[in-house]
Amino acid sequence: MILHYTCPSCAGDMNFDADTGKLTCQSCGRKDTIENYPEELIKTTFEENEANEYHCNNCGAVLITLAETTATNCSFCQSAVVIADRLSGELAPSKVIPFTISEKEAVKAFKKWCRRGWLMPKDFAMSERVKTITGMYVPFWLYDINSQAKVKAVGTVVRTYSKGNYDYTETSYFDIMREINLNYSKIPADASEKMNDELMDKIEPFPFHELKDFKTPYLAGYIAEKYNYTDKEMLPRVEKRVKEYADKYISADLSNYSTVSYKRKDIDVKQKNSAYVLLPVWMIYHDYNNSEYIFAMNGYTGKVVGKPPISKGKAAAWFGGIAAGTFLILKVIATLIGEGYL
């Protein structure tokens, strides 16, 4: 593994200066001590013969394995693949969260999750119907983001009270001004073209305090997909997510007002750092009634996400029960108010 230090000021390469004992940028002259250098800016590359890269000819996926791996199955389409390409010099992940859930535990947890689904077919969780379960490290970019918001609005506080024989409503108006500075750490965004973004968002959270320095032995028994999108290409998606966070923060901050009418609400988002990491995911392919269903499981927490089939009989009974219950409630109400209900 080879380490590259990127200058925080100009993005140039930094080298160690033996005279000063500091990292020095060859472009702008910036100097940093190794102890204070941000880990997020350290980029790693694989050395020659350290890892293999292969391209699936069936679906086009690009994945990474240990150098000694010569054959495997594609994690996406399950096609058999013989590895011929050699990986060298490509950007390697800086951090990884290792798997803590074994394949056996993953299957058991998946079946337990299926049994909790009220509307799933009864036999859906039968073990023989699980076509394939594959452990893979999914590429993510983790972002440190600063968000600054400027808000100008008019808020109202409505108070009602009674005095004598009269009820009163009093509305007070307030000018609202806010300048908010928010910092977000390790906002994840999957950098895989093949992975479903909705699945990857719902599989969160991951315990980022468990991030380890990446080493190729973590790949043993698993496959790691290579990222398809750079941190710059993924940034708009993260910016949108952070703006939603900031918007919710603003709404919560102004929740003591009865109504809020915004005159101005500007939310500015800036990237501070980004890091390329691998996160553990079990991909579960489940056959049922000649159809394939795909699920994802967090390889650390065991959280399962996906869309299972629905039993038509259970669904009809469930909705029928709701309808019957609603009819009964309406019937009681109608009786209490003295009017018939058909």
Protein backbone atom coordinates (compact mmCIF):
# COMPACT_ATOMS: atom_id res chain seq x y z
CA MET A 1 0.00 0.00 0.00
CA ILE A 2 1.38 3.41 -0.98
CA LEU A 3 0.28 6.61 0.80
CA HIS A 4 -0.21 9.97 -0.92
CA TYR A 5 -0.59 13.18 1.07
CA THR A 6 -2.73 15.86 -0.58
CA CYS A 7 -2.18 19.54 0.24
CA PRO A 8 -5.27 20.97 2.03
CA SER A 9 -4.63 24.35 0.39
CA CYS A 10 -4.00 23.61 -3.29
CA ALA A 11 -4.55 19.83 -3.63
CA GLY A 12 -0.93 19.32 -4.72
CA ASP A 13 1.31 16.51 -3.50
CA MET A 14 3.05 16.90 -0.14
CA ASN A 15 6.38 15.26 0.66
CA PHE A 16 8.21 14.73 3.91
CA ASP A 17 10.95 17.32 4.48
CA ALA A 18 13.75 15.79 6.54
CA ASP A 19 15.14 19.22 7.46
CA THR A 20 11.94 20.49 9.09
CA GLY A 21 10.36 17.16 9.94
CA LYS A 22 7.14 18.33 8.28
CA LEU A 23 5.06 17.54 5.23
CA THR A 24 5.77 20.22 2.62
CA CYS A 25 3.72 21.07 -0.46
CA GLN A 26 5.86 21.37 -3.56
CA SER A 27 3.37 23.74 -5.19
CA CYS A 28 2.34 26.32 -2.59
CA GLY A 29 4.89 25.72 0.15
CA ARG A 30 2.43 24.81 2.89
CA LYS A 31 3.88 22.87 5.82
CA ASP A 32 2.05 20.50 8.18
CA THR A 33 3.19 18.16 10.91
CA ILE A 34 2.37 14.51 10.35
CA GLU A 35 0.56 14.38 13.71
CA ASN A 36 -1.83 17.20 12.73
CA TYR A 37 -2.38 16.14 9.14
CA PRO A 38 -6.07 15.27 8.41
CA GLU A 39 -6.47 11.53 7.84
CA GLU A 40 -9.23 12.21 5.32
CA LEU A 41 -6.69 13.72 2.90
CA ILE A 42 -4.42 10.68 2.87
CA LYS A 43 -4.91 8.75 -0.37
CA THR A 44 -3.70 5.19 -0.77
CA THR A 45 -2.85 3.21 -3.87
CA PHE A 46 -2.32 -0.50 -4.29
CA GLU A 47 1.16 -1.74 -4.95
CA GLU A 48 1.73 -4.03 -7.90
CA ASN A 49 0.53 -7.62 -7.30
CA GLU A 50 -1.27 -6.59 -4.09
CA ALA A 51 -4.83 -6.88 -5.41
CA ASN A 52 -6.77 -8.04 -8.45
CA GLU A 53 -9.39 -6.13 -10.39
CA TYR A 54 -11.90 -7.80 -12.64
CA HIS A 55 -14.62 -6.64 -15.00
CA CYS A 56 -17.73 -8.77 -15.28
CA ASN A 57 -18.46 -9.27 -18.97
CA ASN A 58 -22.09 -10.06 -18.20
CA CYS A 59 -23.17 -6.93 -16.26
CA GLY A 60 -20.11 -4.66 -16.41
CA ALA A 61 -19.42 -4.52 -12.67
CA VAL A 62 -15.85 -3.71 -11.57
CA LEU A 63 -14.71 -5.45 -8.37
CA ILE A 64 -11.51 -5.97 -6.38
CA THR A 65 -10.20 -9.16 -4.75
CA LEU A 66 -7.03 -10.38 -3.13
CA ALA A 67 -4.17 -10.91 -5.55
CA GLU A 68 -4.21 -14.69 -5.10
CA THR A 69 -7.93 -14.97 -6.04
CA THR A 70 -8.18 -16.48 -9.53
CA ALA A 71 -11.91 -17.13 -9.89
CA THR A 72 -15.10 -15.93 -8.25
CA ASN A 73 -18.73 -15.02 -8.89
CA CYS A 74 -19.99 -11.54 -9.68
CA SER A 75 -21.82 -10.13 -6.65
CA PHE A 76 -24.46 -8.52 -8.85
CA CYS A 77 -25.40 -11.02 -11.57
CA GLN A 78 -23.83 -14.18 -10.05
CA SER A 79 -21.94 -14.98 -13.26
CA ALA A 80 -18.77 -17.05 -12.89
CA VAL A 81 -15.69 -14.93 -13.54
CA VAL A 82 -12.07 -15.88 -14.11
CA ILE A 83 -9.82 -13.01 -13.04
CA ALA A 84 -7.20 -11.96 -15.54
CA ASP A 85 -6.74 -8.23 -14.96
CA ARG A 86 -4.02 -7.05 -12.58
CA LEU A 87 -4.65 -4.01 -10.44
CA SER A 88 -1.85 -1.53 -9.77
CA GLY A 89 -1.70 2.18 -9.07
CA GLU A 90 -5.45 2.63 -8.67
CA LEU A 91 -6.88 4.62 -5.77
CA ALA A 92 -7.41 2.34 -2.80
CA PRO A 93 -9.79 2.93 0.11
CA SER A 94 -8.33 4.65 3.14
CA LYS A 95 -10.64 3.02 5.72
CA VAL A 96 -12.88 -0.01 6.13
CA ILE A 97 -15.47 -1.30 8.59
CA PRO A 98 -14.88 -5.07 8.75
CA PHE A 99 -17.69 -7.63 8.70
CA THR A 100 -18.86 -8.77 12.14
CA ILE A 101 -21.73 -10.97 10.90
CA SER A 102 -20.86 -14.32 9.35
CA GLU A 103 -22.73 -15.83 6.40
CA LYS A 104 -24.49 -18.30 8.71
CA GLU A 105 -25.55 -15.49 11.06
CA ALA A 106 -26.69 -13.39 8.10
CA VAL A 107 -28.98 -16.16 6.80
CA LYS A 108 -30.40 -16.68 10.30
CA ALA A 109 -31.00 -12.94 10.77
CA PHE A 110 -32.65 -12.70 7.34
CA LYS A 111 -35.07 -15.54 8.11
CA LYS A 112 -35.92 -13.93 11.44
CA TRP A 113 -36.59 -10.64 9.65
CA CYS A 114 -38.88 -12.42 7.19
CA ARG A 115 -40.92 -13.98 10.01
CA ARG A 116 -41.69 -10.50 11.35
CA GLY A 117 -43.36 -9.48 8.10
CA TRP A 118 -47.11 -9.81 8.64
CA LEU A 119 -47.98 -9.67 4.96
CA MET A 120 -45.20 -11.91 3.64
CA PRO A 121 -46.05 -15.39 2.31
CA LYS A 122 -45.65 -17.96 5.08
CA ASP A 123 -43.05 -20.04 3.24
CA PHE A 124 -40.98 -17.08 1.97
CA ALA A 125 -38.23 -17.51 4.58
CA MET A 126 -37.58 -21.19 3.78
CA SER A 127 -33.82 -21.65 3.61
CA GLU A 128 -33.86 -23.58 0.34
CA ARG A 129 -35.42 -20.60 -1.39
CA VAL A 130 -32.40 -18.35 -0.68
CA LYS A 131 -30.64 -18.47 -4.02
CA THR A 132 -27.41 -16.72 -3.08
CA ILE A 133 -25.93 -14.67 -0.26
CA THR A 134 -22.76 -12.71 -0.99
CA GLY A 135 -20.63 -10.63 1.34
CA MET A 136 -19.14 -7.59 -0.32
CA TYR A 137 -17.54 -4.30 0.63
CA VAL A 138 -19.44 -1.44 -0.99
CA PRO A 139 -17.54 1.76 -1.88
CA PHE A 140 -18.66 4.89 -0.06
CA TRP A 141 -17.41 8.44 0.16
CA LEU A 142 -17.58 9.95 3.64
CA TYR A 143 -17.86 13.72 3.78
CA ASP A 144 -17.21 16.32 6.43
CA ILE A 145 -19.55 19.18 5.56
CA ASN A 146 -20.06 22.72 6.83
CA SER A 147 -23.51 24.23 6.44
CA GLN A 148 -24.31 27.89 7.04
CA ALA A 149 -27.89 29.16 6.98
CA LYS A 150 -29.33 32.67 7.03
CA VAL A 151 -33.00 32.95 7.90
CA LYS A 152 -35.35 35.91 7.91
CA ALA A 153 -39.01 35.32 8.70
CA VAL A 154 -42.12 36.49 10.49
CA GLY A 155 -43.43 34.27 13.24
CA THR A 156 -46.71 34.33 15.09
CA VAL A 157 -47.69 33.18 18.54
CA VAL A 158 -51.43 32.59 18.95
CA ARG A 159 -53.01 32.61 22.40
CA THR A 160 -56.66 31.90 23.15
CA TYR A 161 -58.37 32.68 26.43
CA SER A 162 -61.79 33.33 27.90
CA LYS A 163 -62.92 36.41 29.77
CA GLY A 164 -66.44 36.73 31.03
CA ASN A 165 -68.82 35.42 28.39
CA TYR A 166 -66.36 35.88 25.56
CA ASP A 167 -63.54 33.83 23.98
CA TYR A 168 -60.55 35.77 22.72
CA THR A 169 -57.77 34.96 20.24
CA GLU A 170 -54.60 37.02 20.52
CA THR A 171 -51.98 36.88 17.76
CA SER A 172 -48.52 38.33 18.34
CA TYR A 173 -46.09 38.93 15.47
CA PHE A 174 -42.30 38.62 15.72
CA ASP A 175 -39.46 39.38 13.32
CA ILE A 176 -37.16 36.34 13.19
CA MET A 177 -33.50 36.43 12.17
CA ARG A 178 -31.12 33.49 12.42
CA GLU A 179 -27.54 32.85 11.36
CA ILE A 180 -26.80 29.16 11.86
CA ASN A 181 -23.47 27.34 11.51
CA LEU A 182 -23.66 23.54 11.42
CA ASN A 183 -20.88 20.98 10.97
CA TYR A 184 -21.64 17.44 9.85
CA SER A 185 -19.12 14.61 10.13
CA LYS A 186 -18.91 11.47 7.99
CA ILE A 187 -21.98 11.88 5.78
CA PRO A 188 -22.02 8.69 3.64
CA ALA A 189 -22.82 8.35 -0.06
CA ASP A 190 -22.39 5.08 -1.93
CA ALA A 191 -20.18 5.45 -4.99
CA SER A 192 -21.46 2.33 -6.75
CA GLU A 193 -23.24 2.48 -10.06
CA LYS A 194 -24.73 -0.97 -9.57
CA MET A 195 -26.03 -0.55 -6.03
CA ASN A 196 -29.54 0.77 -5.45
CA ASP A 197 -29.12 4.15 -3.72
CA GLU A 198 -32.39 3.73 -1.81
CA LEU A 199 -31.23 0.41 -0.37
CA MET A 200 -27.85 1.83 0.60
CA ASP A 201 -29.44 4.86 2.30
CA LYS A 202 -31.85 2.69 4.29
CA ILE A 203 -29.15 0.25 5.40
CA GLU A 204 -27.59 3.00 7.52
CA PRO A 205 -26.40 3.72 10.10
CA PHE A 206 -22.89 2.29 10.11
CA PRO A 207 -20.73 2.63 13.25
CA PHE A 208 -18.07 4.96 11.89
CA HIS A 209 -16.15 4.80 15.15
CA GLU A 210 -15.27 1.26 14.03
CA LEU A 211 -13.42 2.43 10.90
CA LYS A 212 -10.05 0.69 10.50
CA ASP A 213 -7.08 1.46 8.27
CA PHE A 214 -7.66 -0.50 5.08
CA LYS A 215 -5.54 -3.59 4.54
CA THR A 216 -6.06 -6.14 1.77
CA PRO A 217 -6.51 -9.11 4.20
CA TYR A 218 -9.94 -7.66 5.04
CA LEU A 219 -10.97 -8.79 1.54
CA ALA A 220 -10.35 -12.45 2.38
CA GLY A 221 -13.60 -14.32 1.70
CA TYR A 222 -15.32 -11.21 0.34
CA ILE A 223 -15.35 -9.00 -2.73
CA ALA A 224 -14.95 -5.23 -2.80
CA GLU A 225 -16.56 -3.20 -5.53
CA LYS A 226 -14.48 -0.44 -7.04
CA TYR A 227 -16.03 3.03 -6.88
CA ASN A 228 -17.68 4.35 -10.05
CA TYR A 229 -18.02 7.98 -9.01
CA THR A 230 -15.47 10.40 -7.57
CA ASP A 231 -16.10 12.48 -4.47
CA LYS A 232 -16.75 15.54 -6.67
CA GLU A 233 -19.36 13.65 -8.70
CA MET A 234 -21.13 12.46 -5.52
CA LEU A 235 -21.04 15.86 -3.79
CA PRO A 236 -24.37 17.21 -5.20
CA ARG A 237 -26.23 14.25 -3.67
CA VAL A 238 -24.60 14.88 -0.30
CA GLU A 239 -25.27 18.62 -0.51
CA LYS A 240 -28.97 17.90 -1.06
CA ARG A 241 -28.99 15.60 1.95
CA VAL A 242 -27.24 18.13 4.19
CA LYS A 243 -29.63 20.90 3.10
CA GLU A 244 -32.51 18.67 4.21
CA TYR A 245 -30.77 18.18 7.58
CA ALA A 246 -30.27 21.94 7.95
CA ASP A 247 -33.87 22.64 6.95
CA LYS A 248 -35.13 20.25 9.65
CA TYR A 249 -32.84 21.94 12.18
CA ILE A 250 -34.27 25.35 11.29
CA SER A 251 -37.85 24.07 11.56
CA ALA A 252 -37.11 22.56 14.98
CA ASP A 253 -35.46 25.79 16.14
CA LEU A 254 -38.58 27.79 15.21
CA SER A 255 -41.10 25.23 16.45
CA ASN A 256 -42.19 27.45 19.36
CA TYR A 257 -43.98 29.74 16.91
CA SER A 258 -47.55 28.99 15.85
CA THR A 259 -46.79 29.90 12.23
CA VAL A 260 -43.63 30.91 10.38
CA SER A 261 -43.62 32.86 7.11
CA TYR A 262 -40.16 32.87 5.52
CA LYS A 263 -38.87 35.95 3.76
CA ARG A 264 -35.44 34.42 3.27
CA LYS A 265 -33.93 31.01 3.91
CA ASP A 266 -30.49 30.53 2.35
CA ILE A 267 -28.56 27.35 3.10
CA ASP A 268 -24.94 27.24 1.91
CA VAL A 269 -23.08 23.92 1.93
CA LYS A 270 -19.31 23.49 1.65
CA GLN A 271 -17.20 20.33 1.59
CA LYS A 272 -14.40 20.25 4.15
CA ASN A 273 -13.01 16.75 3.63
CA SER A 274 -13.86 13.46 1.96
CA ALA A 275 -12.57 9.91 2.39
CA TYR A 276 -12.98 6.78 0.28
CA VAL A 277 -14.04 3.84 2.48
CA LEU A 278 -15.46 0.32 2.19
CA LEU A 279 -18.53 -0.68 4.20
CA PRO A 280 -19.74 -4.29 4.75
CA VAL A 281 -22.95 -5.43 3.06
CA TRP A 282 -24.52 -8.86 2.62
CA MET A 283 -26.43 -9.07 -0.66
CA ILE A 284 -29.23 -11.66 -0.49
CA TYR A 285 -30.88 -13.04 -3.61
CA HIS A 286 -34.14 -14.83 -2.87
CA ASP A 287 -36.17 -16.91 -5.35
CA TYR A 288 -39.93 -17.09 -4.87
CA ASN A 289 -42.64 -18.04 -7.38
CA ASN A 290 -40.26 -17.73 -10.34
CA SER A 291 -39.23 -14.22 -9.34
CA GLU A 292 -36.00 -12.97 -7.76
CA TYR A 293 -36.01 -10.55 -4.83
CA ILE A 294 -32.91 -8.64 -3.77
CA PHE A 295 -32.19 -7.60 -0.19
CA ALA A 296 -29.27 -5.87 1.50
CA MET A 297 -28.07 -6.45 5.06
CA ASN A 298 -25.75 -4.21 7.04
CA GLY A 299 -22.71 -6.45 7.60
CA TYR A 300 -22.07 -4.92 11.03
CA THR A 301 -25.53 -4.28 12.56
CA GLY A 302 -27.62 -6.93 10.75
CA LYS A 303 -30.22 -4.43 9.56
CA VAL A 304 -32.15 -5.77 6.53
CA VAL A 305 -33.75 -3.68 3.78
CA GLY A 306 -35.62 -4.64 0.62
CA LYS A 307 -39.08 -5.18 -0.84
CA PRO A 308 -40.43 -8.69 -0.16
CA PRO A 309 -43.45 -10.27 -1.89
CA ILE A 310 -46.88 -9.76 -0.32
CA SER A 311 -49.36 -12.56 0.30
CA LYS A 312 -52.62 -11.62 -1.42
CA GLY A 313 -54.61 -13.67 1.07
CA LYS A 314 -52.99 -11.99 4.11
CA ALA A 315 -53.32 -8.56 2.53
CA ALA A 316 -57.02 -9.10 1.82
CA ALA A 317 -57.62 -10.33 5.37
CA TRP A 318 -55.66 -7.43 6.86
CA PHE A 319 -57.41 -4.73 4.86
CA GLY A 320 -60.72 -6.50 5.40
CA GLY A 321 -60.09 -6.35 9.14
CA ILE A 322 -59.35 -2.63 8.92
CA ALA A 323 -62.52 -2.04 6.92
CA ALA A 324 -64.59 -4.07 9.39
CA GLY A 325 -63.04 -2.23 12.32
CA THR A 326 -63.71 1.14 10.71
CA PHE A 327 -67.31 0.17 9.96
CA LEU A 328 -67.82 -0.90 13.60
CA ILE A 329 -66.41 2.39 14.91
CA LEU A 330 -68.63 4.43 12.59
CA LYS A 331 -71.64 2.33 13.59
CA VAL A 332 -71.02 3.03 17.28
CA ILE A 333 -70.59 6.76 16.61
CA ALA A 334 -73.77 6.84 14.57
CA THR A 335 -75.67 5.08 17.36
CA LEU A 336 -74.34 7.48 19.97
CA ILE A 337 -75.44 10.54 17.96
CA GLY A 338 -78.82 9.00 17.26
CA GLU A 339 -78.54 8.58 13.50
CA GLY A 340 -78.61 5.41 11.45
CA TYR A 341 -75.51 4.29 9.46
CA LEU A 342 -75.82 1.78 6.63
